[in-house]
Amino acid sequence: MSPNAGTQHDVIVVGAGPGGSACATFLARTGLDVLLVDKASFPRDKTCGDAVSAQGVEILDQLGLGNRLRRIGFKVPAVTIVSPGGHELRAGIPPADGLPRYGIVVKRFELDEMVRKAAEAAGASFVDKVHVRGMEHTSGGGWTIRGDRAGTSFSASGRIVVMAVGASLPLMRHLDLITSEPEYAFAARAYYEDVAGLDDALHIHFDGVPLPGYGWIFPVSETAANVGAGYYRRGPCTPPTAAAVLEAFLNHSPLAKRFRAARRLTPVKGFPIRTDFHRSKCLADDLLVVGEAAGLVNPFTGEGIDYALESARMAAHVVVKAFEEGDLSPASLSRYDRILRRRFQTLFRLTHLMRRVYMTPTLLDPLVMACAKWPDMTRLLISVLLSYESPIKAFAPTVLARILLSSTPFGKPRTPRSA
């Protein structure tokens, strides 16, 4: 599309990551005039853990991208968890509502471009290198976005705007969509080749990192991995940067031997992770917010891709229905907020609580040991981490009793075992 100033559209989507591009695809498929803009030139890298959960795979299937996703990604049907004390547990991804029993690790450089191209193929117009500096709500409804592109001014108008700007705050603040200081985790990652001991599992380590937080080794091939660490800043003793946390994680003695012969392929890159959906604002007049811009990143696992895709699908459903009914009023669009809160509000409140309670050596060690002893505990843990089950089940009396039993000397297994 030619970036002519003043173009008119049904919907403008700001941000062409998975959430924005997926929303643009769902919208354009119905025949709506959709403009998708992003400040980057695509394809571009995005710092992330790269893991797409089974829920995310399902939505990418709906976008017609499943076959390509499976070709370019690395299938992971299992999760390995290592507790702060070194107790290890491997578990397969359980069945749930017809979802695939695996996730896929795919570099964001490839994933984001794939979904963006799907939006264009569906009929959305895409303009890159657009720095949106401000937005004006027009008197007759809708928005005009204003900014610059390649040194020239850029503007476009839409009856609805979908914000998918990730953790970036300037435009959100400009629109008064930030009502309190956002809550962030901080992470850093790099790609490594020739990592010893890689298999077909997502490796999550609670050892060698400050808690609450974890390190990860996510295979992108049989020999290479996305390796990173994330944490919440807590007090003066917490390392100052995520890069420092990652360095300490890689030098942690049980892990160091796995990286002795490994080659780092990329620089270490840090990134914030916004996790405050339960108190974020995701709706304004003629405007909807999706994905991480709405704080939709799991506070315990750091997973955000599937939440971005799911919220994008919800937003598109509400917007399409509003156009079909000829009713773009705030009351009509508020259905998005109700659907989103019904799906995620309690989940996020409980996951925040679960992170505060469980991300300590006091509970993580006996939790992993209890999972080694009782297979149903393993299924529950993985199901909660994947949001198949409510986090409230992690606080059930039977679960807490088993954890307490595993924390006593007579309740500890002699050696960790896989489930």
Protein backbone atom coordinates (compact mmCIF):
# COMPACT_ATOMS: atom_id res chain seq x y z
CA MET A 1 0.00 0.00 0.00
CA SER A 2 1.18 3.53 -0.70
CA PRO A 3 1.50 5.48 2.59
CA ASN A 4 -0.65 8.40 1.50
CA ALA A 5 -1.67 10.78 4.24
CA GLY A 6 -5.26 10.93 5.32
CA THR A 7 -6.44 7.50 4.19
CA GLN A 8 -9.77 6.28 5.58
CA HIS A 9 -10.35 2.77 6.94
CA ASP A 10 -12.82 0.72 8.91
CA VAL A 11 -10.15 -0.45 11.36
CA ILE A 12 -6.56 0.59 12.04
CA VAL A 13 -4.37 -1.90 13.90
CA VAL A 14 -1.29 -0.34 15.51
CA GLY A 15 1.43 -2.96 15.97
CA ALA A 16 2.12 -5.92 13.67
CA GLY A 17 3.25 -8.54 16.18
CA PRO A 18 1.30 -11.80 16.46
CA GLY A 19 -1.64 -10.15 18.22
CA GLY A 20 -1.99 -7.19 15.88
CA SER A 21 -1.42 -9.18 12.71
CA ALA A 22 -3.79 -11.97 13.80
CA CYS A 23 -6.50 -9.43 14.60
CA ALA A 24 -5.96 -7.76 11.21
CA THR A 25 -6.25 -11.16 9.52
CA PHE A 26 -9.51 -12.10 11.24
CA LEU A 27 -10.96 -8.66 10.45
CA ALA A 28 -9.85 -8.48 6.81
CA ARG A 29 -11.26 -11.95 6.11
CA THR A 30 -14.75 -10.52 6.63
CA GLY A 31 -14.22 -7.82 4.03
CA LEU A 32 -13.52 -4.92 6.39
CA ASP A 33 -11.03 -2.28 5.23
CA VAL A 34 -8.09 -2.82 7.60
CA LEU A 35 -4.86 -0.84 7.87
CA LEU A 36 -2.01 -2.47 9.81
CA VAL A 37 0.94 -0.26 10.77
CA ASP A 38 4.17 -0.88 12.64
CA LYS A 39 7.23 1.19 13.47
CA ALA A 40 9.61 -1.59 12.36
CA SER A 41 10.62 -2.76 8.92
CA PHE A 42 9.62 -6.40 8.49
CA PRO A 43 10.85 -9.05 8.82
CA ARG A 44 12.29 -8.05 12.18
CA ASP A 45 13.45 -9.86 15.29
CA LYS A 46 11.56 -9.68 18.57
CA THR A 47 13.16 -10.60 21.86
CA CYS A 48 11.11 -13.43 23.34
CA GLY A 49 11.27 -17.02 24.56
CA ASP A 50 9.75 -18.15 21.22
CA ALA A 51 7.50 -20.86 22.71
CA VAL A 52 4.00 -21.12 21.25
CA SER A 53 1.65 -23.12 23.46
CA ALA A 54 -0.95 -25.59 22.24
CA GLN A 55 -3.61 -22.84 22.47
CA GLY A 56 -1.48 -20.63 20.26
CA VAL A 57 -0.95 -23.46 17.78
CA GLU A 58 -4.72 -23.92 17.55
CA ILE A 59 -5.31 -20.25 16.70
CA LEU A 60 -2.49 -20.27 14.13
CA ASP A 61 -4.21 -23.29 12.61
CA GLN A 62 -7.37 -21.18 12.32
CA LEU A 63 -5.33 -18.56 10.50
CA GLY A 64 -4.25 -21.21 7.99
CA LEU A 65 -0.65 -21.13 9.21
CA GLY A 66 -0.44 -24.49 10.96
CA ASN A 67 1.38 -26.42 8.23
CA ARG A 68 4.06 -23.76 7.80
CA LEU A 69 4.38 -23.35 11.57
CA ARG A 70 5.13 -27.06 11.92
CA ARG A 71 7.69 -26.90 9.10
CA ILE A 72 9.70 -23.99 10.45
CA GLY A 73 9.23 -24.61 14.19
CA PHE A 74 10.47 -27.28 16.59
CA LYS A 75 7.78 -29.44 18.18
CA VAL A 76 7.95 -29.84 21.97
CA PRO A 77 5.57 -32.43 23.49
CA ALA A 78 7.05 -32.25 27.00
CA VAL A 79 8.19 -29.96 29.79
CA THR A 80 11.15 -30.50 32.13
CA ILE A 81 11.10 -28.57 35.40
CA VAL A 82 14.09 -28.25 37.73
CA SER A 83 13.45 -27.00 41.26
CA PRO A 84 15.76 -24.62 43.17
CA GLY A 85 17.32 -27.63 44.92
CA GLY A 86 17.94 -29.47 41.64
CA HIS A 87 15.02 -31.90 41.74
CA GLU A 88 13.99 -32.65 38.17
CA LEU A 89 10.67 -33.64 36.68
CA ARG A 90 9.77 -34.35 33.06
CA ALA A 91 6.12 -34.47 31.99
CA GLY A 92 4.27 -34.72 28.72
CA ILE A 93 1.81 -32.00 27.75
CA PRO A 94 -1.62 -33.36 28.73
CA PRO A 95 -4.70 -33.48 26.50
CA ALA A 96 -7.17 -30.62 26.73
CA ASP A 97 -10.29 -29.81 24.69
CA GLY A 98 -8.94 -31.20 21.45
CA LEU A 99 -5.77 -29.11 21.57
CA PRO A 100 -2.55 -30.61 20.22
CA ARG A 101 -0.43 -32.34 22.86
CA TYR A 102 2.60 -30.22 22.04
CA GLY A 103 3.79 -26.67 21.71
CA ILE A 104 6.10 -25.32 19.02
CA VAL A 105 9.25 -23.22 19.46
CA VAL A 106 9.63 -20.85 16.52
CA LYS A 107 11.81 -17.76 16.26
CA ARG A 108 9.83 -14.56 16.36
CA PHE A 109 11.72 -13.35 13.29
CA GLU A 110 9.86 -16.06 11.38
CA LEU A 111 6.60 -16.22 13.34
CA ASP A 112 5.80 -12.52 13.22
CA GLU A 113 6.52 -12.25 9.51
CA MET A 114 4.38 -15.31 8.82
CA VAL A 115 1.36 -13.85 10.64
CA ARG A 116 1.89 -10.40 9.12
CA LYS A 117 1.90 -11.89 5.62
CA ALA A 118 -1.33 -13.72 6.47
CA ALA A 119 -2.92 -10.34 7.24
CA GLU A 120 -1.88 -8.99 3.86
CA ALA A 121 -3.07 -12.15 2.12
CA ALA A 122 -6.47 -11.70 3.80
CA GLY A 123 -6.74 -8.19 2.37
CA ALA A 124 -5.30 -5.93 5.07
CA SER A 125 -3.05 -3.06 3.97
CA PHE A 126 0.32 -2.89 5.71
CA VAL A 127 2.61 0.10 6.14
CA ASP A 128 5.93 -0.30 7.93
CA LYS A 129 8.27 2.23 9.57
CA VAL A 130 5.31 4.26 10.86
CA HIS A 131 6.07 5.96 14.17
CA VAL A 132 2.66 6.84 15.59
CA ARG A 133 3.25 9.90 17.75
CA GLY A 134 -0.33 10.69 18.65
CA MET A 135 -4.00 10.00 18.03
CA GLU A 136 -7.02 12.27 17.92
CA HIS A 137 -10.55 11.12 18.65
CA THR A 138 -12.74 12.67 15.98
CA SER A 139 -16.05 14.32 16.85
CA GLY A 140 -18.05 11.97 14.64
CA GLY A 141 -16.44 8.86 16.13
CA GLY A 142 -13.27 7.04 15.25
CA TRP A 143 -9.63 8.08 15.41
CA THR A 144 -7.00 9.80 13.33
CA ILE A 145 -3.48 8.52 13.94
CA ARG A 146 -0.59 10.91 13.30
CA GLY A 147 3.11 10.30 13.07
CA ASP A 148 5.95 10.07 10.64
CA ARG A 149 7.38 7.65 8.14
CA ALA A 150 10.83 8.00 6.58
CA GLY A 151 11.01 11.67 7.54
CA THR A 152 7.59 12.62 6.23
CA SER A 153 4.31 13.07 8.05
CA PHE A 154 1.83 10.23 8.12
CA SER A 155 -1.83 10.17 9.06
CA ALA A 156 -4.75 7.83 8.61
CA SER A 157 -8.25 7.59 10.01
CA GLY A 158 -10.24 4.59 11.20
CA ARG A 159 -13.64 4.08 12.71
CA ILE A 160 -12.07 1.63 15.18
CA VAL A 161 -8.47 1.36 16.40
CA VAL A 162 -6.90 -1.80 17.83
CA MET A 163 -3.79 -1.20 19.93
CA ALA A 164 -1.23 -4.02 19.82
CA VAL A 165 1.93 -2.17 20.83
CA GLY A 166 3.31 -4.71 23.30
CA ALA A 167 5.18 -3.33 26.30
CA SER A 168 5.68 0.11 24.69
CA LEU A 169 4.05 2.80 26.83
CA PRO A 170 4.34 6.29 25.20
CA LEU A 171 1.26 6.00 22.99
CA MET A 172 -0.68 4.21 25.73
CA ARG A 173 0.10 7.05 28.14
CA HIS A 174 -0.88 9.62 25.52
CA LEU A 175 -4.31 7.96 25.30
CA ASP A 176 -4.72 7.75 29.11
CA LEU A 177 -4.78 3.96 28.90
CA ILE A 178 -2.21 3.66 31.70
CA THR A 179 -4.04 4.29 34.96
CA SER A 180 -1.36 2.95 37.34
CA GLU A 181 2.29 2.03 37.07
CA PRO A 182 2.47 -1.18 35.02
CA GLU A 183 3.94 -4.30 36.59
CA TYR A 184 6.87 -5.81 34.75
CA ALA A 185 9.08 -8.82 34.82
CA PHE A 186 12.45 -8.46 33.12
CA ALA A 187 14.15 -11.04 30.93
CA ALA A 188 17.11 -11.56 28.62
CA ARG A 189 17.82 -14.18 25.98
CA ALA A 190 20.30 -15.30 23.33
CA TYR A 191 20.51 -18.17 20.85
CA TYR A 192 23.10 -20.90 21.39
CA GLU A 193 24.32 -23.66 19.08
CA ASP A 194 25.72 -27.04 20.22
CA VAL A 195 23.97 -27.01 23.60
CA ALA A 196 24.55 -30.37 25.27
CA GLY A 197 21.58 -32.44 26.39
CA LEU A 198 18.93 -30.86 24.18
CA ASP A 199 15.79 -32.92 23.69
CA ASP A 200 12.17 -32.29 22.69
CA ALA A 201 11.15 -30.59 25.94
CA LEU A 202 10.85 -27.05 27.22
CA HIS A 203 13.39 -26.86 30.07
CA ILE A 204 12.33 -24.55 32.89
CA HIS A 205 14.88 -23.97 35.66
CA PHE A 206 14.18 -22.47 39.04
CA ASP A 207 17.79 -23.17 40.06
CA GLY A 208 20.55 -20.63 39.45
CA VAL A 209 18.16 -17.65 39.23
CA PRO A 210 16.73 -15.19 41.77
CA LEU A 211 13.18 -16.01 42.79
CA PRO A 212 10.56 -15.13 41.72
CA GLY A 213 11.89 -15.93 38.29
CA TYR A 214 13.22 -18.78 36.16
CA GLY A 215 15.71 -19.67 33.48
CA TRP A 216 14.81 -21.50 30.28
CA ILE A 217 16.32 -23.60 27.55
CA PHE A 218 13.85 -23.90 24.66
CA PRO A 219 15.09 -25.93 21.66
CA VAL A 220 14.70 -24.33 18.24
CA SER A 221 16.37 -27.33 16.57
CA GLU A 222 18.09 -30.56 17.61
CA THR A 223 21.29 -28.64 18.41
CA ALA A 224 20.29 -25.00 19.04
CA ALA A 225 18.21 -23.31 21.70
CA ASN A 226 16.69 -20.05 22.84
CA VAL A 227 18.29 -19.60 26.26
CA GLY A 228 17.14 -16.96 28.70
CA ALA A 229 16.25 -15.92 32.21
CA GLY A 230 13.54 -13.73 33.64
CA TYR A 231 12.84 -12.32 37.09
CA TYR A 232 10.87 -9.80 39.13
CA ARG A 233 12.96 -7.14 40.80
CA ARG A 234 12.75 -7.49 44.56
CA GLY A 235 14.89 -5.38 46.89
CA PRO A 236 18.51 -4.15 46.75
CA CYS A 237 20.04 -7.64 46.52
CA THR A 238 18.31 -8.42 43.23
CA PRO A 239 20.68 -8.28 40.23
CA PRO A 240 20.36 -4.95 38.40
CA THR A 241 19.80 -6.34 34.91
CA ALA A 242 18.28 -9.37 33.24
CA ALA A 243 21.55 -9.85 31.35
CA ALA A 244 23.32 -10.31 34.70
CA VAL A 245 20.69 -12.85 35.76
CA LEU A 246 21.21 -14.78 32.51
CA GLU A 247 24.99 -14.77 32.94
CA ALA A 248 24.68 -16.14 36.47
CA PHE A 249 22.22 -18.77 35.24
CA LEU A 250 24.62 -19.97 32.53
CA ASN A 251 27.47 -20.13 35.05
CA HIS A 252 25.39 -22.09 37.56
CA SER A 253 27.44 -25.26 38.11
CA PRO A 254 24.81 -27.88 37.10
CA LEU A 255 24.27 -25.99 33.84
CA ALA A 256 27.75 -24.77 32.97
CA LYS A 257 28.82 -28.13 31.52
CA ARG A 258 25.91 -28.05 29.06
CA PHE A 259 27.29 -24.83 27.60
CA ARG A 260 30.98 -25.70 27.73
CA ALA A 261 31.14 -26.41 24.00
CA ALA A 262 28.19 -24.19 23.02
CA ARG A 263 28.51 -21.18 20.74
CA ARG A 264 26.46 -18.07 21.30
CA LEU A 265 24.92 -17.09 17.97
CA THR A 266 23.39 -13.73 18.88
CA PRO A 267 23.97 -10.91 21.35
CA VAL A 268 22.18 -11.07 24.69
CA LYS A 269 19.04 -8.93 24.47
CA GLY A 270 16.91 -7.82 27.39
CA PHE A 271 13.21 -7.05 27.35
CA PRO A 272 10.41 -6.07 29.76
CA ILE A 273 7.35 -8.30 30.18
CA ARG A 274 4.10 -6.63 31.22
CA THR A 275 1.96 -8.89 33.42
CA ASP A 276 -0.73 -6.63 34.93
CA PHE A 277 -3.85 -7.44 32.92
CA HIS A 278 -5.98 -7.82 36.06
CA ARG A 279 -5.68 -4.06 36.67
CA SER A 280 -5.05 -2.77 33.16
CA LYS A 281 -7.32 -0.81 30.85
CA CYS A 282 -8.14 -2.55 27.59
CA LEU A 283 -10.99 -0.43 26.19
CA ALA A 284 -11.76 3.17 25.31
CA ASP A 285 -14.21 4.83 22.94
CA ASP A 286 -13.74 3.22 19.51
CA LEU A 287 -10.53 1.56 20.71
CA LEU A 288 -9.59 -1.95 21.89
CA VAL A 289 -6.28 -3.15 23.35
CA VAL A 290 -4.92 -6.65 22.73
CA GLY A 291 -1.99 -8.76 23.90
CA GLU A 292 0.84 -7.45 26.04
CA ALA A 293 -0.41 -3.86 25.62
CA ALA A 294 -3.25 -5.01 27.90
CA GLY A 295 -0.81 -6.71 30.28
CA LEU A 296 -1.70 -10.15 28.92
CA VAL A 297 1.46 -12.07 29.78
CA ASN A 298 1.21 -14.90 32.31
CA PRO A 299 2.75 -13.71 35.61
CA PHE A 300 4.08 -17.19 36.45
CA THR A 301 5.28 -18.56 33.11
CA GLY A 302 5.92 -15.42 31.07
CA GLU A 303 3.85 -16.86 28.20
CA GLY A 304 2.35 -14.14 26.05
CA ILE A 305 2.01 -15.30 22.45
CA ASP A 306 -1.11 -17.39 22.96
CA TYR A 307 -2.74 -14.64 25.07
CA ALA A 308 -2.03 -12.12 22.30
CA LEU A 309 -3.55 -14.43 19.69
CA GLU A 310 -6.59 -15.25 21.81
CA SER A 311 -7.32 -11.61 22.70
CA ALA A 312 -6.87 -10.71 19.01
CA ARG A 313 -9.49 -13.28 18.06
CA MET A 314 -11.87 -11.94 20.72
CA ALA A 315 -11.35 -8.33 19.61
CA ALA A 316 -11.94 -9.22 15.97
CA HIS A 317 -15.15 -11.09 16.85
CA VAL A 318 -16.56 -8.09 18.73
CA VAL A 319 -15.54 -5.56 16.05
CA VAL A 320 -16.98 -7.65 13.20
CA LYS A 321 -20.25 -8.08 15.08
CA ALA A 322 -20.40 -4.34 15.74
CA PHE A 323 -20.02 -3.56 12.03
CA GLU A 324 -22.57 -6.22 11.10
CA GLU A 325 -25.09 -4.70 13.50
CA GLY A 326 -24.23 -1.15 12.44
CA ASP A 327 -23.55 -0.28 16.08
CA LEU A 328 -20.06 0.97 16.94
CA SER A 329 -21.19 2.54 20.20
CA PRO A 330 -19.20 2.16 23.44
CA ALA A 331 -21.92 -0.17 24.71
CA SER A 332 -21.46 -2.46 21.71
CA LEU A 333 -17.66 -2.52 21.90
CA SER A 334 -17.72 -3.03 25.67
CA ARG A 335 -18.55 -6.67 24.95
CA TYR A 336 -14.82 -7.09 24.34
CA ASP A 337 -13.98 -6.06 27.89
CA ARG A 338 -16.62 -8.39 29.33
CA ILE A 339 -15.43 -11.37 27.27
CA LEU A 340 -11.78 -10.68 28.09
CA ARG A 341 -12.43 -10.26 31.83
CA ARG A 342 -14.53 -13.40 31.95
CA ARG A 343 -11.72 -15.36 30.33
CA PHE A 344 -8.66 -13.90 32.07
CA GLN A 345 -9.45 -11.71 35.11
CA THR A 346 -9.65 -14.43 37.77
CA LEU A 347 -6.88 -16.38 36.07
CA PHE A 348 -4.47 -13.45 36.36
CA ARG A 349 -5.37 -12.64 39.96
CA LEU A 350 -4.78 -16.25 40.98
CA THR A 351 -1.62 -16.59 38.91
CA HIS A 352 -0.16 -13.53 40.62
CA LEU A 353 -1.00 -15.14 43.95
CA MET A 354 0.49 -18.44 42.83
CA ARG A 355 3.71 -16.72 41.84
CA ARG A 356 4.02 -15.01 45.22
CA VAL A 357 3.26 -18.20 47.16
CA TYR A 358 4.95 -20.88 45.10
CA MET A 359 8.04 -19.22 43.59
CA THR A 360 10.15 -19.87 46.70
CA PRO A 361 12.54 -22.73 47.53
CA THR A 362 10.29 -23.52 50.49
CA LEU A 363 7.48 -24.69 48.21
CA LEU A 364 9.04 -25.32 44.78
CA ASP A 365 11.33 -28.11 45.99
CA PRO A 366 8.61 -30.12 47.77
CA LEU A 367 6.16 -29.36 44.95
CA VAL A 368 8.43 -30.99 42.35
CA MET A 369 9.11 -33.87 44.73
CA ALA A 370 5.38 -34.35 45.30
CA CYS A 371 4.87 -34.45 41.53
CA ALA A 372 7.51 -37.19 41.29
CA LYS A 373 5.59 -39.18 43.88
CA TRP A 374 2.00 -38.60 42.70
CA PRO A 375 1.42 -38.59 38.92
CA ASP A 376 -1.87 -36.72 39.25
CA MET A 377 0.07 -33.86 40.86
CA THR A 378 2.25 -33.70 37.75
CA ARG A 379 -0.75 -33.50 35.46
CA LEU A 380 -2.26 -30.79 37.64
CA LEU A 381 0.95 -28.72 37.72
CA ILE A 382 1.42 -28.79 33.95
CA SER A 383 -2.28 -28.11 33.37
CA VAL A 384 -2.16 -25.08 35.67
CA LEU A 385 1.03 -23.75 34.03
CA LEU A 386 -0.63 -24.10 30.61
CA SER A 387 -3.88 -22.49 31.88
CA TYR A 388 -5.85 -25.68 31.21
CA GLU A 389 -6.85 -25.70 34.88
CA SER A 390 -7.58 -22.83 37.26
CA PRO A 391 -4.66 -21.85 39.53
CA ILE A 392 -7.08 -22.19 42.45
CA LYS A 393 -6.47 -25.93 42.22
CA ALA A 394 -2.86 -25.34 43.25
CA PHE A 395 -4.22 -24.29 46.66
CA ALA A 396 -6.47 -27.31 47.19
CA PRO A 397 -6.02 -28.93 50.65
CA THR A 398 -4.92 -32.25 49.09
CA VAL A 399 -2.23 -30.49 47.04
CA LEU A 400 -0.93 -28.51 50.01
CA ALA A 401 -0.94 -31.62 52.21
CA ARG A 402 1.16 -33.55 49.69
CA ILE A 403 3.61 -30.67 49.41
CA LEU A 404 3.87 -30.53 53.20
CA LEU A 405 4.44 -34.28 53.34
CA SER A 406 7.17 -34.03 50.68
CA SER A 407 8.94 -31.33 52.68
CA THR A 408 9.48 -33.69 55.61
CA PRO A 409 12.47 -36.07 55.66
CA PHE A 410 10.33 -39.24 55.59
CA GLY A 411 8.27 -37.91 52.68
CA LYS A 412 11.15 -37.11 50.33
CA PRO A 413 11.88 -39.52 47.47
CA ARG A 414 15.42 -40.84 47.36
CA THR A 415 15.94 -39.72 43.78
CA PRO A 416 13.87 -37.50 41.49
CA ARG A 417 12.04 -39.37 38.77
CA SER A 418 10.18 -38.47 35.62
CA ALA A 419 6.44 -38.69 35.17
